[in-house]
Amino acid sequence: MLAARAGLKVIRLHDARHTHASLMLKQGVHPKIVQERLGHASIKIISLHIPM
């Protein structure tokens, strides 16, 4: 893979998506906005990204 040859850690697309959601929440983006951006049907899924 290109990332491995460049010495970068290989991550799955899903991991990048999770990181994106977590960073948005950490920056104070409202969970409803995060839900819409990720295309989740329920805001309950977003609660999995919120650190407790």
Protein backbone atom coordinates (compact mmCIF):
# COMPACT_ATOMS: atom_id res chain seq x y z
CA MET A 1 0.00 0.00 0.00
CA LEU A 2 1.07 3.53 -0.66
CA ALA A 3 0.65 4.57 2.98
CA ALA A 4 2.84 1.72 4.22
CA ARG A 5 5.57 2.54 1.68
CA ALA A 6 5.49 6.15 2.85
CA GLY A 7 5.92 5.00 6.44
CA LEU A 8 2.41 6.00 7.48
CA LYS A 9 0.14 3.99 9.70
CA VAL A 10 -2.49 2.20 7.64
CA ILE A 11 -6.03 2.89 8.86
CA ARG A 12 -9.38 1.73 7.59
CA LEU A 13 -11.82 4.23 6.14
CA HIS A 14 -14.18 3.42 9.01
CA ASP A 15 -11.47 4.41 11.49
CA ALA A 16 -11.06 7.78 9.77
CA ARG A 17 -14.83 8.26 9.88
CA HIS A 18 -14.89 7.52 13.63
CA THR A 19 -12.00 9.93 14.21
CA HIS A 20 -13.78 12.63 12.21
CA ALA A 21 -16.92 12.24 14.35
CA SER A 22 -14.94 12.27 17.59
CA LEU A 23 -12.99 15.39 16.61
CA MET A 24 -16.17 17.24 15.63
CA LEU A 25 -17.76 16.41 18.97
CA LYS A 26 -14.61 17.41 20.84
CA GLN A 27 -14.69 20.78 19.05
CA GLY A 28 -18.22 21.34 20.27
CA VAL A 29 -20.14 20.54 17.09
CA HIS A 30 -23.71 19.67 18.07
CA PRO A 31 -24.34 15.89 17.97
CA LYS A 32 -27.28 16.40 15.59
CA ILE A 33 -24.93 17.97 13.03
CA VAL A 34 -22.48 15.08 13.43
CA GLN A 35 -25.35 12.61 12.99
CA GLU A 36 -26.46 14.28 9.78
CA ARG A 37 -22.95 14.50 8.39
CA LEU A 38 -22.35 10.80 9.00
CA GLY A 39 -25.77 9.82 7.70
CA HIS A 40 -26.90 8.03 10.85
CA ALA A 41 -30.64 7.51 11.22
CA SER A 42 -30.51 7.97 14.99
CA ILE A 43 -28.60 10.33 17.24
CA LYS A 44 -28.15 7.39 19.64
CA ILE A 45 -25.34 6.08 17.43
CA ILE A 46 -23.45 9.35 17.90
CA SER A 47 -23.45 8.81 21.67
CA LEU A 48 -20.94 6.01 21.05
CA HIS A 49 -18.41 8.66 19.98
CA ILE A 50 -18.92 10.83 23.06
CA PRO A 51 -16.32 10.02 25.71
CA MET A 52 -17.86 9.26 29.08
